[in-house]
Amino acid sequence: MNKHIIIRRAEEADAENIIRFNIAMAKETESKDLNRDLVGRGVKNLLSHPEYGFYIVAELDKQVIGSLMITFEWSDWRNGLFWWIQSVYILPEYRRKGVFRLMYLYIHEKAGTEQTVCGLRLYVDNDNEIAQKTYFDLGMKRTGYGLFEEEL
């Protein structure tokens, strides 16, 4: 199946799929019902502001089957940008078939061509052992950092 999957940078025409994927992901992973209008504005805002980040999509037979978002974090310690992998979603029927691996390899290759990129990062639920194994298998390592937040 991997031979037919195309990984590409998302365009404005992909917004509806990305919105749908984000809403589904929040429901699946956190049992949250997101506000479709707010998510829509957020997705479209990122698509029109590449300085904030970008999306990539996985496409099979002209159907978008997955997406992920990259945002940027400046590291003064490294004088470079970390690309944060976020909002990963693959349609359920295509999971565990190498779609995320293809997306990750695409990002890894693109990041390697950018002199300002110093690394890739993501966060994962402590209980999501399947995802953690995938990340280890791709060569990622667990950091010593915990994650804290306060929503405003």
Protein backbone atom coordinates (compact mmCIF):
# COMPACT_ATOMS: atom_id res chain seq x y z
CA MET A 1 0.00 0.00 0.00
CA ASN A 2 2.84 2.46 0.78
CA LYS A 3 3.80 2.71 -2.90
CA HIS A 4 0.58 4.57 -3.65
CA ILE A 5 0.57 6.96 -0.71
CA ILE A 6 1.61 10.52 -1.52
CA ILE A 7 2.91 12.74 1.27
CA ARG A 8 2.72 16.44 0.53
CA ARG A 9 2.43 19.83 2.12
CA ALA A 10 -1.19 20.74 2.79
CA GLU A 11 -2.97 23.45 0.81
CA GLU A 12 -6.06 25.54 1.53
CA ALA A 13 -8.18 22.92 -0.25
CA ASP A 14 -7.17 20.43 2.50
CA ALA A 15 -8.62 22.55 5.30
CA GLU A 16 -11.92 20.66 5.63
CA ASN A 17 -10.17 17.31 5.99
CA ILE A 18 -7.77 18.70 8.57
CA ILE A 19 -10.63 20.29 10.53
CA ARG A 20 -12.52 16.99 10.49
CA PHE A 21 -9.40 15.08 11.57
CA ASN A 22 -8.68 17.47 14.46
CA ILE A 23 -12.23 17.15 15.76
CA ALA A 24 -12.11 13.36 15.50
CA MET A 25 -8.71 13.19 17.21
CA ALA A 26 -9.86 15.27 20.18
CA LYS A 27 -12.91 13.05 20.59
CA GLU A 28 -10.89 9.83 20.35
CA THR A 29 -7.95 10.81 22.54
CA GLU A 30 -9.46 13.14 25.13
CA SER A 31 -13.24 12.69 24.77
CA LYS A 32 -13.42 16.42 23.94
CA ASP A 33 -15.99 17.98 21.65
CA LEU A 34 -14.22 20.81 19.88
CA ASN A 35 -15.95 23.89 18.50
CA ARG A 36 -15.90 23.34 14.72
CA ASP A 37 -15.89 27.07 13.93
CA LEU A 38 -12.95 27.74 16.24
CA VAL A 39 -10.97 24.76 14.90
CA GLY A 40 -11.77 25.87 11.35
CA ARG A 41 -10.43 29.34 12.00
CA GLY A 42 -7.32 27.87 13.63
CA VAL A 43 -6.58 25.51 10.74
CA LYS A 44 -7.16 28.18 8.10
CA ASN A 45 -5.06 30.67 10.06
CA LEU A 46 -2.07 28.31 10.09
CA LEU A 47 -2.51 27.52 6.40
CA SER A 48 -2.33 31.23 5.60
CA HIS A 49 0.60 31.95 7.99
CA PRO A 50 3.54 29.69 7.14
CA GLU A 51 5.69 31.58 9.63
CA TYR A 52 3.69 29.76 12.38
CA GLY A 53 4.06 26.29 10.88
CA PHE A 54 2.47 24.04 8.29
CA TYR A 55 0.50 20.86 7.75
CA ILE A 56 1.32 17.83 5.70
CA VAL A 57 -1.18 15.29 4.43
CA ALA A 58 -1.06 11.67 3.34
CA GLU A 59 -3.09 10.93 0.24
CA LEU A 60 -4.15 7.59 -1.24
CA ASP A 61 -6.04 7.50 -4.54
CA LYS A 62 -6.71 11.26 -4.22
CA GLN A 63 -8.27 10.78 -0.76
CA VAL A 64 -6.62 12.46 2.23
CA ILE A 65 -6.15 9.70 4.81
CA GLY A 66 -3.99 11.49 7.37
CA SER A 67 -2.47 14.77 8.42
CA LEU A 68 -0.10 16.29 10.91
CA MET A 69 0.93 19.78 11.89
CA ILE A 70 4.42 21.21 12.33
CA THR A 71 4.93 24.24 14.56
CA PHE A 72 8.20 25.98 15.36
CA GLU A 73 10.06 26.51 18.62
CA TRP A 74 13.20 28.65 18.68
CA SER A 75 16.07 27.23 20.75
CA ASP A 76 18.58 29.84 21.82
CA TRP A 77 20.77 27.04 23.22
CA ARG A 78 21.07 25.54 19.74
CA ASN A 79 20.57 28.65 17.62
CA GLY A 80 17.96 26.77 15.66
CA LEU A 81 14.35 25.70 15.36
CA PHE A 82 12.73 22.57 16.67
CA TRP A 83 9.91 21.35 14.50
CA TRP A 84 7.12 20.12 16.77
CA ILE A 85 4.98 17.33 15.35
CA GLN A 86 1.41 17.85 16.50
CA SER A 87 -2.21 17.06 15.63
CA VAL A 88 -1.36 13.69 14.09
CA TYR A 89 -4.40 11.90 12.72
CA ILE A 90 -4.72 8.89 10.45
CA LEU A 91 -8.11 7.55 9.42
CA PRO A 92 -8.77 4.41 11.51
CA GLU A 93 -8.82 2.01 8.54
CA TYR A 94 -5.28 3.10 7.57
CA ARG A 95 -3.64 2.92 10.99
CA ARG A 96 -0.78 0.50 11.68
CA LYS A 97 -0.02 0.39 7.94
CA GLY A 98 2.99 2.67 7.80
CA VAL A 99 1.23 5.96 7.01
CA PHE A 100 2.69 7.85 9.97
CA ARG A 101 6.13 6.39 9.21
CA LEU A 102 5.94 7.85 5.68
CA MET A 103 4.82 11.20 7.06
CA TYR A 104 7.63 11.22 9.62
CA LEU A 105 10.25 10.31 7.03
CA TYR A 106 8.97 13.13 4.80
CA ILE A 107 9.29 15.63 7.68
CA HIS A 108 12.68 14.24 8.68
CA GLU A 109 13.98 14.67 5.13
CA LYS A 110 12.59 18.21 4.79
CA ALA A 111 14.00 19.24 8.18
CA GLY A 112 17.41 17.91 7.16
CA THR A 113 17.51 20.30 4.21
CA GLU A 114 16.78 23.35 6.38
CA GLN A 115 19.89 24.82 8.01
CA THR A 116 17.80 26.45 10.75
CA VAL A 117 16.21 23.19 11.98
CA CYS A 118 18.02 21.62 14.94
CA GLY A 119 15.59 18.81 15.74
CA LEU A 120 12.15 17.24 15.78
CA ARG A 121 9.97 16.98 18.87
CA LEU A 122 6.56 15.70 19.83
CA TYR A 123 4.65 14.84 22.95
CA VAL A 124 2.77 11.64 23.58
CA ASP A 125 0.33 10.40 26.20
CA ASN A 126 2.16 8.37 28.85
CA ASP A 127 -0.24 5.46 28.33
CA ASN A 128 0.03 5.34 24.52
CA GLU A 129 2.55 2.50 24.30
CA ILE A 130 1.86 1.79 20.61
CA ALA A 131 2.73 5.36 19.60
CA GLN A 132 5.80 5.37 21.86
CA LYS A 133 7.11 2.17 20.25
CA THR A 134 6.60 3.74 16.81
CA TYR A 135 8.59 6.82 17.83
CA PHE A 136 11.41 4.70 19.29
CA ASP A 137 11.48 2.60 16.11
CA LEU A 138 11.89 5.79 14.06
CA GLY A 139 14.97 6.76 16.09
CA MET A 140 13.40 9.27 18.47
CA LYS A 141 14.45 9.26 22.13
CA ARG A 142 12.57 10.10 25.31
CA THR A 143 13.70 13.40 26.82
CA GLY A 144 14.07 14.26 30.47
CA TYR A 145 11.46 17.00 30.21
CA GLY A 146 7.93 16.89 31.58
CA LEU A 147 5.14 18.95 30.08
CA PHE A 148 3.22 21.62 32.00
CA GLU A 149 0.59 23.99 30.71
CA GLU A 150 -1.92 26.62 31.68
CA GLU A 151 -4.62 27.47 29.18
CA LEU A 152 -5.51 31.15 28.90
